[in-house]
Amino acid sequence: MANHDPISDMLTRIRNASEKRHETTKIPASRLVRNVANVLQQEGFIAAVTEEGEGVTKHLVLELKYSGKHRQPTIRSVQRVSKPGLRIYKNNRQLPKVLGGLGVAIISTSKGVMSDRDARKQGVGGEVLCYVY
C-alpha cells in the first residue's frame, strides 16, 4: 500500500523507535522528509541523519538521542498538525509556541522547512507540519 503522508509515517516511526529505545530508525527518503529530519537534528532532538540505498530504495537512517542513565528519549512527543485532508497554515504572527518555547513546531515555508523560531526570525509563515517536544 502506498503511503500518502510521508511526514506522518516518519513521525510514527520515530515515536515507535524511541519508545522501544532503538538506536536508529529507517525512513523512506524524500526531500521533505530529509528537510524535517535536518530541522530535528539542528534542534537537538536526533543525533545524526545518514542516507542509505540508491534511487527508489533510498532510506534515511536517523540516530535517536537519549538522556540520563535510564535512557529517557529526547523526543517525548511528536504530533502531526497539518494533514493531507486538513492543511493548517499560519502567518508569522500566528506561529505557535510549543510548550512555551521548550518544544519546536516545524514549519514548511516559502524559504524552506524550518523551526518556528527561525520562521519568526525571518518573518515568514507557512504550513505547520508538526510539533516536537
Protein backbone atom coordinates (compact mmCIF):
# COMPACT_ATOMS: atom_id res chain seq x y z
CA MET A 1 0.00 0.00 0.00
CA ALA A 2 1.37 3.42 -0.96
CA ASN A 3 1.92 5.87 1.85
CA HIS A 4 0.11 9.14 1.18
CA ASP A 5 1.51 11.03 4.16
CA PRO A 6 5.28 10.56 4.45
CA ILE A 7 5.54 13.04 7.36
CA SER A 8 3.03 11.09 9.50
CA ASP A 9 4.86 7.89 8.59
CA MET A 10 8.18 9.44 9.65
CA LEU A 11 6.80 10.73 12.96
CA THR A 12 5.22 7.36 13.76
CA ARG A 13 8.49 5.53 13.04
CA ILE A 14 10.40 7.97 15.29
CA ARG A 15 7.77 7.64 18.06
CA ASN A 16 7.81 3.83 17.92
CA ALA A 17 11.59 3.55 17.78
CA SER A 18 12.15 5.90 20.72
CA GLU A 19 9.51 4.13 22.84
CA LYS A 20 11.36 0.85 22.21
CA ARG A 21 14.74 2.59 22.84
CA HIS A 22 16.14 1.74 19.39
CA GLU A 23 19.46 3.32 18.42
CA THR A 24 18.33 4.14 14.88
CA THR A 25 15.23 4.11 12.70
CA LYS A 26 14.92 3.85 8.90
CA ILE A 27 12.60 6.12 6.93
CA PRO A 28 11.88 6.14 3.18
CA ALA A 29 13.72 9.20 1.85
CA SER A 30 12.15 12.23 0.17
CA ARG A 31 13.25 15.83 0.05
CA LEU A 32 10.58 16.95 2.54
CA VAL A 33 11.38 14.13 4.99
CA ARG A 34 15.12 14.95 4.71
CA ASN A 35 14.43 18.63 5.48
CA VAL A 36 12.27 17.77 8.51
CA ALA A 37 14.99 15.39 9.76
CA ASN A 38 17.60 18.15 9.38
CA VAL A 39 15.47 20.55 11.45
CA LEU A 40 15.10 17.87 14.15
CA GLN A 41 18.88 17.47 14.14
CA GLN A 42 19.51 21.24 14.35
CA GLU A 43 17.09 21.50 17.27
CA GLY A 44 18.92 18.68 19.09
CA PHE A 45 16.17 16.02 19.02
CA ILE A 46 18.12 13.48 16.96
CA ALA A 47 21.86 12.79 16.89
CA ALA A 48 22.55 12.15 13.21
CA VAL A 49 20.95 11.74 9.77
CA THR A 50 22.57 9.46 7.18
CA GLU A 51 21.40 8.11 3.82
CA GLU A 52 21.37 4.52 2.59
CA GLY A 53 20.47 2.90 -0.70
CA GLU A 54 20.02 4.15 -4.25
CA GLY A 55 17.19 5.68 -6.25
CA VAL A 56 13.74 4.45 -5.23
CA THR A 57 15.07 2.38 -2.32
CA LYS A 58 16.83 5.34 -0.68
CA HIS A 59 16.34 5.49 3.09
CA LEU A 60 17.25 7.99 5.77
CA VAL A 61 18.72 6.47 8.92
CA LEU A 62 18.00 8.64 11.97
CA GLU A 63 20.18 8.14 15.03
CA LEU A 64 17.98 8.78 18.07
CA LYS A 65 19.11 10.58 21.22
CA TYR A 66 18.52 9.51 24.83
CA SER A 67 19.45 11.19 28.09
CA GLY A 68 20.26 10.04 31.61
CA LYS A 69 21.12 6.59 32.92
CA HIS A 70 17.56 5.38 32.31
CA ARG A 71 17.89 6.43 28.64
CA GLN A 72 14.87 8.74 28.51
CA PRO A 73 14.10 9.61 24.87
CA THR A 74 14.95 13.23 23.98
CA ILE A 75 11.74 13.27 21.91
CA ARG A 76 8.89 12.92 24.40
CA SER A 77 6.09 13.61 21.94
CA VAL A 78 5.62 14.17 18.20
CA GLN A 79 2.31 15.43 16.85
CA ARG A 80 1.23 15.86 13.24
CA VAL A 81 -0.60 19.16 12.83
CA SER A 82 -1.31 19.75 9.15
CA LYS A 83 -2.67 16.62 7.46
CA PRO A 84 -3.35 15.91 3.78
CA GLY A 85 -7.10 16.18 4.50
CA LEU A 86 -6.81 19.39 6.52
CA ARG A 87 -3.86 21.68 5.93
CA ILE A 88 -3.02 24.17 8.68
CA TYR A 89 -1.36 27.44 7.67
CA LYS A 90 -0.21 30.26 9.96
CA ASN A 91 1.32 33.63 9.20
CA ASN A 92 4.43 34.72 11.11
CA ARG A 93 2.40 36.44 13.86
CA GLN A 94 0.22 33.35 14.43
CA LEU A 95 3.05 30.79 14.60
CA PRO A 96 2.51 28.54 17.63
CA LYS A 97 4.87 28.38 20.61
CA VAL A 98 5.18 24.71 21.63
CA LEU A 99 5.33 24.22 25.44
CA GLY A 100 6.11 27.92 25.89
CA GLY A 101 9.19 27.65 23.68
CA LEU A 102 10.56 24.35 25.09
CA GLY A 103 9.29 22.37 22.12
CA VAL A 104 9.54 23.14 18.44
CA ALA A 105 6.97 23.48 15.66
CA ILE A 106 8.29 22.50 12.23
CA ILE A 107 7.02 24.86 9.54
CA SER A 108 7.17 24.44 5.76
CA THR A 109 7.71 27.98 4.44
CA SER A 110 8.45 29.54 1.07
CA LYS A 111 12.08 29.71 2.26
CA GLY A 112 12.24 26.00 3.08
CA VAL A 113 11.44 23.80 6.08
CA MET A 114 12.44 25.41 9.40
CA SER A 115 11.63 25.64 13.08
CA ASP A 116 9.00 28.11 14.34
CA ARG A 117 11.80 30.19 15.90
CA ASP A 118 13.66 30.57 12.58
CA ALA A 119 10.42 31.32 10.72
CA ARG A 120 9.58 34.08 13.22
CA LYS A 121 13.11 35.49 12.89
CA GLN A 122 12.80 35.57 9.09
CA GLY A 123 9.25 36.93 9.26
CA VAL A 124 7.66 34.12 7.24
CA GLY A 125 4.66 31.90 7.88
CA GLY A 126 3.67 28.63 6.26
CA GLU A 127 2.24 25.17 6.76
CA VAL A 128 2.61 23.87 10.32
CA LEU A 129 3.85 20.30 9.75
CA CYS A 130 4.26 19.04 13.32
CA TYR A 131 5.05 19.74 16.97
CA VAL A 132 8.00 18.05 18.69
CA TYR A 133 8.88 18.21 22.38
